N, C-alpha and C. Protein backbone atom coordinates (compact mmCIF):
# COMPACT_ATOMS: atom_id res chain seq x y z
N MET A 1 0.87 -1.12 0.06
CA MET A 1 -0.01 -0.06 -0.10
C MET A 1 0.98 1.14 -0.03
N GLY A 2 1.00 1.86 -1.02
CA GLY A 2 1.87 2.93 -1.45
C GLY A 2 1.31 4.28 -0.63
N ARG A 3 2.38 5.31 -0.54
CA ARG A 3 1.72 6.57 0.11
C ARG A 3 1.32 7.36 -1.03
N ARG A 4 0.21 8.31 -0.73
CA ARG A 4 -0.25 9.13 -1.45
C ARG A 4 0.46 10.39 -1.71
N ALA A 5 0.44 11.05 -2.99
CA ALA A 5 1.36 12.08 -3.28
C ALA A 5 0.94 13.24 -2.45
N LEU A 6 1.97 14.00 -2.05
CA LEU A 6 1.70 15.05 -1.04
C LEU A 6 1.22 16.22 -1.77
N PRO A 7 0.55 17.22 -1.13
CA PRO A 7 0.07 18.47 -1.75
C PRO A 7 1.22 19.26 -1.98
N LYS A 8 1.20 20.32 -2.91
CA LYS A 8 2.24 21.13 -3.04
C LYS A 8 2.45 22.18 -1.95
N LEU A 9 3.90 22.20 -1.67
CA LEU A 9 4.31 23.09 -0.65
C LEU A 9 3.95 24.55 -0.76
N ASP A 10 3.42 24.94 0.30
CA ASP A 10 3.02 26.61 0.41
C ASP A 10 4.45 27.23 0.51
N LEU A 11 4.84 27.89 -0.57
CA LEU A 11 6.27 28.43 -0.54
C LEU A 11 6.11 29.70 0.28
N THR A 12 4.99 30.27 0.61
CA THR A 12 4.99 31.56 1.51
C THR A 12 5.17 31.33 2.84
N LEU A 13 5.42 30.14 3.26
CA LEU A 13 5.38 29.53 4.71
C LEU A 13 6.84 29.94 5.17
N ASP A 14 7.27 30.31 6.27
CA ASP A 14 8.34 30.32 6.99
C ASP A 14 8.79 29.28 7.78
N LEU A 15 9.60 28.28 7.11
CA LEU A 15 9.86 26.99 7.79
C LEU A 15 11.09 27.08 8.80
N THR A 16 11.63 28.14 8.96
CA THR A 16 12.99 28.23 9.55
C THR A 16 12.92 27.92 11.10
N GLN A 17 11.87 28.10 11.75
CA GLN A 17 11.53 27.68 13.08
C GLN A 17 11.22 26.36 13.30
N HIS A 18 10.93 25.54 12.24
CA HIS A 18 10.36 24.05 12.51
C HIS A 18 11.22 23.10 11.67
N LEU A 19 12.23 23.47 10.90
CA LEU A 19 12.96 22.57 9.94
C LEU A 19 14.37 22.65 10.28
N ARG A 20 14.98 21.53 10.44
CA ARG A 20 16.48 21.54 10.41
C ARG A 20 17.00 20.22 9.61
N THR A 21 18.22 20.20 9.37
CA THR A 21 18.86 19.23 8.94
C THR A 21 19.85 18.67 10.08
N VAL A 22 20.30 17.36 9.98
CA VAL A 22 21.05 16.70 11.02
C VAL A 22 22.36 17.66 11.17
N ASP A 23 22.93 17.99 10.08
CA ASP A 23 24.15 18.88 10.10
C ASP A 23 23.90 20.22 10.89
N GLU A 24 22.61 20.64 10.95
CA GLU A 24 22.31 22.01 11.60
C GLU A 24 21.79 21.82 12.89
N LEU A 25 21.93 20.71 13.50
CA LEU A 25 21.63 20.39 15.05
C LEU A 25 23.01 20.89 15.66
N PRO A 26 22.86 21.54 16.94
CA PRO A 26 23.97 21.87 17.87
C PRO A 26 24.62 20.74 18.11
N LYS A 27 25.91 20.97 18.29
CA LYS A 27 26.92 20.20 18.73
C LYS A 27 27.90 20.61 19.65
N PRO A 28 28.00 20.57 20.79
CA PRO A 28 27.16 19.56 21.64
C PRO A 28 25.59 19.94 21.74
N TRP A 29 24.74 19.05 22.14
CA TRP A 29 23.37 19.26 22.08
C TRP A 29 23.01 20.41 22.97
N ASP A 30 22.08 21.11 22.38
CA ASP A 30 21.60 22.41 23.22
C ASP A 30 20.18 22.68 22.89
N ALA A 31 19.27 22.14 23.56
CA ALA A 31 17.78 22.23 23.34
C ALA A 31 17.48 23.89 23.20
N ALA A 32 18.24 24.82 23.85
CA ALA A 32 17.71 26.06 23.73
C ALA A 32 18.08 26.72 22.29
N ALA A 33 18.98 26.03 21.44
CA ALA A 33 19.22 26.38 19.98
C ALA A 33 18.05 26.02 19.27
N ILE A 34 17.06 25.11 19.68
CA ILE A 34 15.97 24.61 18.90
C ILE A 34 14.67 25.08 19.33
N PHE A 35 14.44 24.86 20.57
CA PHE A 35 13.04 25.03 21.21
C PHE A 35 13.06 26.55 22.01
N ALA A 36 11.83 27.03 22.10
CA ALA A 36 11.69 28.37 22.79
C ALA A 36 11.99 28.03 24.37
N ASP A 37 11.38 26.90 24.73
CA ASP A 37 11.46 26.42 26.15
C ASP A 37 12.46 25.31 26.25
N ALA A 38 13.69 25.60 26.63
CA ALA A 38 14.77 24.47 26.56
C ALA A 38 14.59 23.61 27.80
N SER A 39 13.70 23.97 28.75
CA SER A 39 13.56 23.15 29.98
C SER A 39 12.50 22.22 29.92
N ALA A 40 11.80 22.29 28.93
CA ALA A 40 10.66 21.31 28.72
C ALA A 40 11.10 19.92 28.46
N SER A 41 10.45 18.93 28.93
CA SER A 41 10.56 17.58 28.61
C SER A 41 10.63 17.43 27.21
N LEU A 42 11.52 16.42 26.76
CA LEU A 42 11.60 16.37 25.16
C LEU A 42 11.22 14.84 24.86
N GLU A 43 10.44 14.83 23.69
CA GLU A 43 10.10 13.45 23.19
C GLU A 43 10.59 13.39 21.61
N VAL A 44 11.06 12.27 21.09
CA VAL A 44 11.62 12.15 19.77
C VAL A 44 10.96 11.12 19.13
N GLU A 45 10.46 11.46 17.91
CA GLU A 45 9.85 10.46 17.01
C GLU A 45 10.78 10.14 15.80
N VAL A 46 10.90 8.98 15.63
CA VAL A 46 11.81 8.46 14.52
C VAL A 46 10.95 8.07 13.28
N GLY A 47 11.14 8.73 12.17
CA GLY A 47 10.30 8.60 11.16
C GLY A 47 9.00 9.09 11.04
N SER A 48 9.09 10.57 11.02
CA SER A 48 7.75 11.22 11.37
C SER A 48 6.72 11.25 9.96
N GLY A 49 7.15 10.88 8.88
CA GLY A 49 6.27 10.76 7.73
C GLY A 49 5.61 12.09 7.52
N LYS A 50 4.46 12.10 7.41
CA LYS A 50 3.59 13.47 7.09
C LYS A 50 3.39 14.16 8.29
N GLY A 51 3.83 13.75 9.42
CA GLY A 51 3.76 14.66 10.57
C GLY A 51 2.72 14.73 11.40
N LEU A 52 1.69 13.92 11.40
CA LEU A 52 0.46 13.84 12.07
C LEU A 52 0.70 13.80 13.54
N PHE A 53 1.62 12.80 13.88
CA PHE A 53 1.98 12.62 15.23
C PHE A 53 2.35 13.85 15.96
N LEU A 54 3.55 14.39 15.18
CA LEU A 54 4.16 15.52 15.88
C LEU A 54 3.17 16.86 15.96
N GLN A 55 2.28 16.97 15.07
CA GLN A 55 1.21 18.07 15.16
C GLN A 55 0.28 17.78 16.25
N SER A 56 -0.24 16.47 16.33
CA SER A 56 -1.20 16.34 17.52
C SER A 56 -0.63 16.21 18.73
N ALA A 57 0.67 15.67 18.78
CA ALA A 57 1.33 15.63 20.21
C ALA A 57 1.82 16.85 20.70
N ALA A 58 2.23 17.66 19.82
CA ALA A 58 2.79 19.01 20.15
C ALA A 58 1.49 20.14 20.69
N THR A 59 0.23 19.71 20.01
CA THR A 59 -0.80 20.44 20.36
C THR A 59 -1.51 20.10 21.73
N ALA A 60 -1.38 18.54 21.90
CA ALA A 60 -2.05 18.16 23.00
C ALA A 60 -1.27 18.44 24.29
N VAL A 61 0.14 18.35 24.19
CA VAL A 61 0.97 18.50 25.31
C VAL A 61 1.96 19.70 25.07
N PRO A 62 1.49 20.89 25.11
CA PRO A 62 2.26 21.97 24.88
C PRO A 62 3.43 22.26 25.94
N ASN A 63 3.47 21.49 27.10
CA ASN A 63 4.53 21.66 28.01
C ASN A 63 5.57 20.70 27.71
N HIS A 64 5.55 19.87 26.68
CA HIS A 64 6.75 19.18 26.17
C HIS A 64 7.09 19.60 24.88
N ASN A 65 8.37 19.49 24.41
CA ASN A 65 9.02 19.53 23.22
C ASN A 65 9.05 18.36 22.39
N PHE A 66 8.82 18.40 21.22
CA PHE A 66 8.78 17.13 20.19
C PHE A 66 9.82 17.51 19.01
N LEU A 67 10.74 16.49 18.98
CA LEU A 67 11.63 16.45 17.80
C LEU A 67 11.31 15.23 17.00
N GLY A 68 10.95 15.54 15.76
CA GLY A 68 10.72 14.40 14.82
C GLY A 68 12.01 14.25 13.79
N ILE A 69 12.40 13.18 13.39
CA ILE A 69 13.29 12.99 12.48
C ILE A 69 12.83 12.19 11.28
N GLU A 70 13.04 12.79 10.09
CA GLU A 70 12.57 11.90 8.90
C GLU A 70 13.66 12.11 7.84
N VAL A 71 14.07 10.76 7.41
CA VAL A 71 15.19 10.83 6.21
C VAL A 71 14.59 11.44 4.99
N ALA A 72 13.44 11.48 4.44
CA ALA A 72 12.81 11.80 3.18
C ALA A 72 12.64 13.18 3.28
N LYS A 73 13.36 13.91 2.33
CA LYS A 73 13.51 15.47 2.51
C LYS A 73 11.97 15.99 2.03
N LYS A 74 11.17 15.27 1.18
CA LYS A 74 9.91 16.00 0.89
C LYS A 74 8.96 15.89 2.10
N TYR A 75 8.97 14.65 2.88
CA TYR A 75 8.27 14.56 4.05
C TYR A 75 8.48 15.42 5.05
N ALA A 76 9.89 15.53 5.34
CA ALA A 76 10.44 16.59 6.36
C ALA A 76 9.73 17.85 6.07
N HIS A 77 9.72 18.45 4.81
CA HIS A 77 9.30 19.78 4.48
C HIS A 77 7.79 19.85 4.67
N HIS A 78 7.07 18.70 4.31
CA HIS A 78 5.66 18.84 4.49
C HIS A 78 5.31 18.87 5.72
N THR A 79 5.99 18.21 6.81
CA THR A 79 5.86 18.24 8.16
C THR A 79 6.25 19.53 8.69
N ALA A 80 7.30 20.01 8.51
CA ALA A 80 7.47 21.41 8.80
C ALA A 80 6.37 22.57 8.40
N ALA A 81 5.93 22.31 7.32
CA ALA A 81 4.87 23.15 6.99
C ALA A 81 3.56 23.05 7.77
N ARG A 82 3.26 21.91 8.09
CA ARG A 82 2.11 21.52 9.03
C ARG A 82 2.32 22.24 10.24
N LEU A 83 3.57 22.16 10.77
CA LEU A 83 3.76 22.59 12.18
C LEU A 83 3.83 24.17 12.11
N ALA A 84 4.40 24.72 11.10
CA ALA A 84 4.41 26.29 10.78
C ALA A 84 3.08 26.86 10.56
N LYS A 85 2.21 26.21 9.98
CA LYS A 85 0.87 26.61 9.79
C LYS A 85 0.07 26.66 11.09
N ARG A 86 0.33 25.82 12.03
CA ARG A 86 -0.35 25.89 13.30
C ARG A 86 0.55 26.58 14.44
N ASN A 87 1.72 27.14 14.04
CA ASN A 87 2.50 28.00 14.85
C ASN A 87 2.65 27.25 16.12
N LEU A 88 3.49 26.06 16.00
CA LEU A 88 3.75 25.19 17.19
C LEU A 88 5.21 25.42 17.47
N PRO A 89 5.41 26.15 18.57
CA PRO A 89 6.74 26.28 19.02
C PRO A 89 7.54 25.37 19.55
N ASN A 90 6.87 24.25 19.87
CA ASN A 90 7.34 23.07 20.65
C ASN A 90 7.65 21.87 19.74
N ALA A 91 7.54 22.01 18.38
CA ALA A 91 7.87 20.94 17.63
C ALA A 91 8.62 21.30 16.45
N VAL A 92 9.67 20.47 16.21
CA VAL A 92 10.64 20.82 15.16
C VAL A 92 11.03 19.27 14.53
N ILE A 93 11.07 19.38 12.96
CA ILE A 93 11.37 18.30 12.16
C ILE A 93 12.80 18.32 11.78
N VAL A 94 13.55 17.27 11.98
CA VAL A 94 14.94 17.21 11.37
C VAL A 94 14.86 16.28 10.22
N GLN A 95 15.59 16.91 9.06
CA GLN A 95 15.62 15.88 7.86
C GLN A 95 16.87 15.05 7.87
N GLY A 96 16.84 13.83 8.04
CA GLY A 96 18.18 13.07 7.99
C GLY A 96 17.94 11.79 8.57
N ASP A 97 18.99 11.04 8.98
CA ASP A 97 19.20 9.68 9.39
C ASP A 97 18.98 9.80 11.14
N ALA A 98 18.10 9.12 11.58
CA ALA A 98 17.93 9.20 13.05
C ALA A 98 19.05 8.71 13.86
N GLN A 99 19.55 7.61 13.30
CA GLN A 99 20.56 6.79 14.23
C GLN A 99 21.91 7.43 14.52
N PRO A 100 22.41 8.38 13.72
CA PRO A 100 23.66 9.12 14.17
C PRO A 100 23.05 10.17 15.21
N VAL A 101 21.81 10.73 15.06
CA VAL A 101 21.44 11.59 15.96
C VAL A 101 21.35 11.18 17.49
N PHE A 102 20.82 9.81 17.53
CA PHE A 102 20.78 9.17 18.84
C PHE A 102 22.22 8.76 19.29
N ARG A 103 22.97 8.33 18.30
CA ARG A 103 24.44 7.97 18.70
C ARG A 103 25.27 8.84 18.97
N GLU A 104 25.28 10.11 18.34
CA GLU A 104 26.36 11.17 18.48
C GLU A 104 25.88 12.30 19.20
N LEU A 105 24.57 12.66 19.32
CA LEU A 105 24.13 14.02 19.68
C LEU A 105 23.16 13.92 21.00
N LEU A 106 22.32 13.03 21.13
CA LEU A 106 21.27 13.17 22.35
C LEU A 106 21.97 12.81 23.74
N PRO A 107 21.99 13.53 24.73
CA PRO A 107 22.64 13.25 25.79
C PRO A 107 21.95 12.05 26.73
N ASP A 108 22.64 11.65 27.55
CA ASP A 108 22.24 10.54 28.45
C ASP A 108 20.86 11.00 29.25
N SER A 109 19.87 10.33 29.18
CA SER A 109 18.71 10.52 30.27
C SER A 109 18.22 11.84 30.00
N SER A 110 18.10 12.15 28.53
CA SER A 110 17.38 13.46 28.11
C SER A 110 16.04 13.39 27.62
N LEU A 111 15.49 12.19 27.49
CA LEU A 111 14.19 11.98 26.67
C LEU A 111 13.10 11.62 27.61
N ALA A 112 12.02 12.09 27.47
CA ALA A 112 10.81 11.60 28.25
C ALA A 112 10.19 10.39 27.43
N ALA A 113 10.45 10.35 26.10
CA ALA A 113 9.85 9.26 25.30
C ALA A 113 10.46 9.07 24.05
N VAL A 114 10.27 8.20 23.40
CA VAL A 114 10.98 7.70 22.04
C VAL A 114 9.87 6.96 21.34
N HIS A 115 9.33 7.53 20.13
CA HIS A 115 8.41 7.05 19.27
C HIS A 115 8.76 6.43 18.17
N VAL A 116 8.59 5.17 17.65
CA VAL A 116 8.71 4.60 16.43
C VAL A 116 7.50 4.07 16.01
N TYR A 117 6.87 4.65 14.92
CA TYR A 117 5.65 4.36 14.40
C TYR A 117 5.62 3.97 12.95
N PHE A 118 5.28 2.67 12.69
CA PHE A 118 5.30 2.13 11.16
C PHE A 118 6.50 2.32 10.48
N PRO A 119 7.87 1.84 11.00
CA PRO A 119 9.02 2.07 10.41
C PRO A 119 9.05 1.20 9.21
N ASP A 120 9.90 1.53 8.09
CA ASP A 120 9.90 0.92 6.83
C ASP A 120 10.51 -0.76 7.39
N PRO A 121 9.62 -1.73 6.77
CA PRO A 121 10.06 -3.06 7.16
C PRO A 121 11.25 -3.66 6.30
N TRP A 122 11.55 -3.07 5.32
CA TRP A 122 12.71 -3.73 4.51
C TRP A 122 12.45 -4.92 4.41
N TRP A 123 11.46 -5.44 3.56
CA TRP A 123 10.99 -6.69 3.33
C TRP A 123 12.09 -7.86 2.97
N LYS A 124 12.97 -7.66 2.12
CA LYS A 124 13.92 -8.55 1.70
C LYS A 124 14.93 -8.67 2.66
N LYS A 125 15.13 -10.08 2.79
CA LYS A 125 16.17 -10.42 3.82
C LYS A 125 17.42 -9.68 3.87
N ARG A 126 18.06 -9.53 2.78
CA ARG A 126 19.20 -8.78 2.51
C ARG A 126 19.23 -7.37 3.08
N HIS A 127 18.07 -6.88 3.16
CA HIS A 127 17.99 -5.36 3.54
C HIS A 127 17.82 -5.34 4.93
N ARG A 128 17.48 -6.43 5.53
CA ARG A 128 16.93 -6.24 7.24
C ARG A 128 17.77 -5.46 7.86
N LYS A 129 19.10 -5.47 7.66
CA LYS A 129 20.15 -4.66 8.30
C LYS A 129 19.81 -3.20 8.32
N ARG A 130 18.91 -2.82 7.48
CA ARG A 130 18.66 -1.47 7.29
C ARG A 130 17.38 -0.94 8.38
N ARG A 131 16.93 -1.75 8.90
CA ARG A 131 15.70 -1.70 9.92
C ARG A 131 16.27 -0.76 10.88
N VAL A 132 15.35 0.21 11.28
CA VAL A 132 15.73 0.99 12.43
C VAL A 132 15.72 0.43 13.87
N MET A 133 14.94 -0.66 13.85
CA MET A 133 14.88 -1.44 15.28
C MET A 133 16.09 -2.41 15.10
N ASN A 134 17.20 -1.94 15.63
CA ASN A 134 18.29 -2.99 15.79
C ASN A 134 18.87 -2.76 17.04
N ALA A 135 19.94 -3.62 17.40
CA ALA A 135 20.56 -3.71 18.80
C ALA A 135 21.23 -2.36 19.15
N ALA A 136 21.84 -1.79 18.16
CA ALA A 136 22.49 -0.56 18.43
C ALA A 136 21.55 0.63 18.78
N PHE A 137 20.46 0.80 17.87
CA PHE A 137 19.58 1.90 18.24
C PHE A 137 19.00 1.69 19.48
N LEU A 138 18.66 0.58 19.83
CA LEU A 138 17.84 0.18 21.01
C LEU A 138 18.74 0.36 22.29
N ARG A 139 19.96 0.37 22.22
CA ARG A 139 20.88 0.61 23.32
C ARG A 139 21.02 2.14 23.49
N ASP A 140 20.95 2.93 22.38
CA ASP A 140 20.81 4.27 22.38
C ASP A 140 19.48 4.81 22.90
N VAL A 141 18.50 4.10 22.64
CA VAL A 141 17.08 4.44 23.40
C VAL A 141 17.25 4.35 24.74
N VAL A 142 17.82 3.29 25.13
CA VAL A 142 17.85 3.06 26.76
C VAL A 142 18.85 4.19 27.31
N ARG A 143 19.73 4.43 26.69
CA ARG A 143 20.86 5.50 27.21
C ARG A 143 20.07 6.92 27.20
N THR A 144 19.39 7.15 26.11
CA THR A 144 18.95 8.52 26.19
C THR A 144 17.59 8.75 26.97
N LEU A 145 16.90 7.58 27.30
CA LEU A 145 15.68 7.69 28.02
C LEU A 145 15.89 8.23 29.44
N ALA A 146 15.15 9.03 29.96
CA ALA A 146 15.23 9.42 31.50
C ALA A 146 14.57 8.31 32.29
N PRO A 147 14.81 8.14 33.53
CA PRO A 147 14.03 6.99 34.41
C PRO A 147 12.54 7.50 34.32
N GLY A 148 11.79 6.42 34.05
CA GLY A 148 10.40 6.56 33.90
C GLY A 148 10.10 6.94 32.35
N GLY A 149 11.03 7.01 31.45
CA GLY A 149 10.84 7.47 30.10
C GLY A 149 10.20 6.20 29.27
N ARG A 150 9.50 6.49 28.25
CA ARG A 150 8.70 5.39 27.53
C ARG A 150 9.28 5.29 26.21
N PHE A 151 9.21 4.05 25.75
CA PHE A 151 9.49 3.62 24.31
C PHE A 151 8.25 3.15 23.63
N HIS A 152 7.84 3.66 22.63
CA HIS A 152 6.57 3.20 21.72
C HIS A 152 7.09 2.63 20.42
N PHE A 153 6.55 1.40 20.16
CA PHE A 153 6.72 0.70 18.76
C PHE A 153 5.66 0.09 18.42
N TRP A 154 5.11 0.83 17.10
CA TRP A 154 4.18 0.23 16.41
C TRP A 154 4.47 -0.08 14.99
N THR A 155 3.65 -1.11 14.39
CA THR A 155 3.97 -1.46 13.24
C THR A 155 2.72 -2.31 12.72
N ASP A 156 2.54 -2.29 11.32
CA ASP A 156 1.28 -3.17 10.67
C ASP A 156 1.84 -4.47 10.29
N VAL A 157 3.40 -4.73 10.53
CA VAL A 157 4.01 -6.07 10.04
C VAL A 157 4.18 -6.94 11.16
N GLU A 158 3.41 -7.81 11.24
CA GLU A 158 3.48 -8.75 12.53
C GLU A 158 4.98 -9.50 12.64
N GLU A 159 5.57 -9.93 11.63
CA GLU A 159 6.92 -10.38 11.76
C GLU A 159 7.92 -9.50 12.24
N TYR A 160 7.85 -8.17 11.93
CA TYR A 160 8.72 -7.02 12.21
C TYR A 160 8.47 -6.57 13.84
N PHE A 161 7.02 -6.76 14.21
CA PHE A 161 6.73 -6.51 15.54
C PHE A 161 7.29 -7.53 16.36
N GLN A 162 7.15 -8.95 16.13
CA GLN A 162 7.80 -9.87 16.87
C GLN A 162 9.26 -9.80 16.90
N SER A 163 9.89 -9.54 15.85
CA SER A 163 11.45 -9.39 15.96
C SER A 163 11.88 -8.17 16.65
N GLY A 164 10.99 -7.30 16.62
CA GLY A 164 11.33 -6.07 17.44
C GLY A 164 11.10 -6.29 18.94
N LEU A 165 10.17 -6.99 19.33
CA LEU A 165 9.94 -7.36 20.81
C LEU A 165 11.07 -8.19 21.12
N SER A 166 11.68 -9.04 20.30
CA SER A 166 12.57 -9.98 20.78
C SER A 166 13.86 -9.18 20.79
N LEU A 167 14.34 -8.21 19.97
CA LEU A 167 15.28 -7.35 20.21
C LEU A 167 15.34 -6.50 21.41
N VAL A 168 14.15 -6.00 21.80
CA VAL A 168 14.04 -5.24 23.05
C VAL A 168 14.41 -6.19 24.21
N ALA A 169 13.89 -7.32 24.38
CA ALA A 169 14.01 -8.12 25.37
C ALA A 169 15.48 -8.60 25.45
N ASP A 170 16.07 -8.95 24.25
CA ASP A 170 17.47 -9.38 24.31
C ASP A 170 18.61 -8.40 24.59
N HIS A 171 18.14 -7.03 24.29
CA HIS A 171 19.30 -6.06 24.41
C HIS A 171 18.90 -4.70 25.18
N THR A 172 17.85 -4.83 25.96
CA THR A 172 17.59 -3.78 26.76
C THR A 172 17.08 -4.27 28.06
N PRO A 173 16.97 -3.47 29.20
CA PRO A 173 16.42 -3.76 30.47
C PRO A 173 14.90 -3.16 30.52
N LEU A 174 14.32 -2.63 29.38
CA LEU A 174 13.21 -2.05 29.50
C LEU A 174 11.92 -2.85 30.00
N THR A 175 11.12 -2.27 30.66
CA THR A 175 9.93 -3.24 31.16
C THR A 175 8.91 -3.10 30.09
N GLY A 176 8.37 -4.39 29.78
CA GLY A 176 7.11 -4.45 28.77
C GLY A 176 7.37 -5.85 28.08
N PRO A 177 6.60 -6.02 26.99
CA PRO A 177 5.82 -4.81 26.37
C PRO A 177 4.49 -4.66 27.15
N LEU A 178 4.11 -3.33 27.51
CA LEU A 178 3.02 -3.02 28.14
C LEU A 178 1.87 -2.95 27.04
N GLN A 179 0.65 -3.37 27.41
CA GLN A 179 -0.50 -3.43 26.53
C GLN A 179 -0.86 -1.90 26.08
N VAL A 180 -1.14 -1.86 24.92
CA VAL A 180 -1.59 -0.56 24.31
C VAL A 180 -3.05 -0.66 23.67
N ALA A 181 -3.97 -0.30 24.24
CA ALA A 181 -5.35 -0.54 23.68
C ALA A 181 -5.66 0.23 22.46
N GLU A 182 -6.53 -0.31 21.70
CA GLU A 182 -6.93 0.50 20.47
C GLU A 182 -7.98 1.26 20.75
N ARG A 183 -8.17 2.52 20.64
CA ARG A 183 -9.33 3.36 21.06
C ARG A 183 -10.01 3.87 19.65
N ALA A 184 -11.24 4.15 19.83
CA ALA A 184 -12.11 4.56 18.79
C ALA A 184 -11.53 6.05 18.57
N PRO A 185 -11.56 6.36 17.31
CA PRO A 185 -11.12 7.82 17.04
C PRO A 185 -12.41 8.83 17.06
N GLU A 186 -12.03 9.94 17.67
CA GLU A 186 -13.09 11.08 17.78
C GLU A 186 -13.55 11.75 16.55
N HIS A 187 -12.53 11.72 15.53
CA HIS A 187 -12.64 12.59 14.29
C HIS A 187 -11.79 11.90 13.21
N ASP A 188 -11.84 12.30 11.94
CA ASP A 188 -11.29 11.58 10.88
C ASP A 188 -9.62 11.61 10.99
N LEU A 189 -9.09 12.44 11.68
CA LEU A 189 -7.68 12.50 11.79
C LEU A 189 -7.18 12.12 13.11
N ASP A 190 -8.05 11.53 14.06
CA ASP A 190 -7.86 11.09 15.39
C ASP A 190 -7.06 9.75 15.47
N PHE A 191 -5.90 9.55 14.80
CA PHE A 191 -5.07 8.61 14.80
C PHE A 191 -3.63 8.79 15.22
N ARG A 192 -2.81 8.01 15.59
CA ARG A 192 -1.58 8.32 16.10
C ARG A 192 -0.69 8.93 14.74
N THR A 193 -0.94 8.16 13.57
CA THR A 193 -0.16 8.59 12.33
C THR A 193 -1.03 8.47 11.16
N HIS A 194 -0.78 9.19 10.07
CA HIS A 194 -1.55 8.75 8.89
C HIS A 194 -1.59 7.22 8.55
N PHE A 195 -0.37 6.83 8.73
CA PHE A 195 -0.52 5.26 8.30
C PHE A 195 -1.50 4.34 9.32
N GLU A 196 -1.59 4.74 10.50
CA GLU A 196 -2.43 3.98 11.32
C GLU A 196 -3.80 4.26 10.85
N ARG A 197 -4.24 5.49 10.40
CA ARG A 197 -5.44 5.81 9.89
C ARG A 197 -5.82 4.92 8.72
N ARG A 198 -4.92 4.78 7.83
CA ARG A 198 -5.07 3.91 6.66
C ARG A 198 -5.22 2.43 7.00
N MET A 199 -4.49 2.00 7.91
CA MET A 199 -4.60 0.67 8.23
C MET A 199 -5.92 0.29 8.78
N ARG A 200 -6.33 1.15 9.68
CA ARG A 200 -7.82 1.04 10.49
C ARG A 200 -8.86 1.03 9.55
N LEU A 201 -8.95 2.08 8.73
CA LEU A 201 -10.08 2.15 7.76
C LEU A 201 -10.08 0.99 6.78
N ALA A 202 -8.94 0.53 6.46
CA ALA A 202 -8.87 -0.59 5.78
C ALA A 202 -9.25 -2.01 6.45
N GLU A 203 -9.41 -1.90 7.81
CA GLU A 203 -9.65 -2.84 8.76
C GLU A 203 -8.49 -3.98 8.61
N LEU A 204 -7.28 -3.33 8.63
CA LEU A 204 -6.06 -4.12 8.78
C LEU A 204 -5.49 -4.14 10.08
N PRO A 205 -4.56 -5.13 10.61
CA PRO A 205 -4.26 -4.98 12.03
C PRO A 205 -3.09 -4.01 12.12
N VAL A 206 -3.09 -3.55 13.39
CA VAL A 206 -1.94 -2.70 13.76
C VAL A 206 -1.45 -3.34 15.16
N TYR A 207 -0.25 -3.55 15.17
CA TYR A 207 0.52 -4.17 16.53
C TYR A 207 1.30 -2.93 17.26
N ARG A 208 0.82 -2.95 18.31
CA ARG A 208 1.29 -1.77 19.28
C ARG A 208 1.95 -2.27 20.54
N SER A 209 3.07 -1.60 20.91
CA SER A 209 3.80 -1.97 22.13
C SER A 209 4.28 -0.73 22.69
N GLU A 210 4.49 -0.73 23.91
CA GLU A 210 4.95 0.44 24.88
C GLU A 210 5.91 -0.40 25.75
N PHE A 211 7.00 0.43 26.26
CA PHE A 211 8.16 0.05 27.23
C PHE A 211 8.37 1.17 28.03
N ARG A 212 8.88 0.66 29.23
CA ARG A 212 9.16 1.65 30.30
C ARG A 212 10.74 1.37 30.78
N LYS A 213 11.45 2.69 31.09
CA LYS A 213 12.80 2.64 31.58
C LYS A 213 12.54 2.81 33.04
N GLU A 214 12.94 1.84 33.90
CA GLU A 214 12.50 1.89 35.34
C GLU A 214 13.58 2.78 36.12
N SER A 215 14.99 2.65 35.58
CA SER A 215 15.88 3.45 36.14
C SER A 215 17.23 3.76 35.46
């Protein structure tokens, strides 16, 4: 099930407050260089796609900062545009690879949550090493989560879900998987991501998990 074409970008929008590349991130990490309120708790989404989660979460939890990371330039720009349209100062999208951001930039115990929703399954066996759910990434998730922090992993691919749960069990001390109930949407875009919306409207299964860092 391929993605629909994106609408044309509104070239009049100023994206400078909501869009960065990996190379533009501060080194060493400095939240004040990105967000208006550097003291707010930080949540990171890996693979933001069209940005529905970032938009919804930043609106619902204005006292948290949200950093999305999206490798595809066109989707990163689309996400930045939807954040700019809604003037969300607590949400920024980064265009680039998430793994070096976790490995090289994000400090220990700095995150309230990490979100991975519907990552590319890389279907062919020879490409599985490209999956974001790997041992090195998960070790960085554990390192960057603050005590009590949460790791969310959802996918529509059962094999990927099961292998992801095994990786978490084998390579992290995280508690879980905790049950994540499916809730009825209150409106047409009341879903975690656009991909969840498509799966549920097509009556296809979504596999959800949540983990907690105890200390």
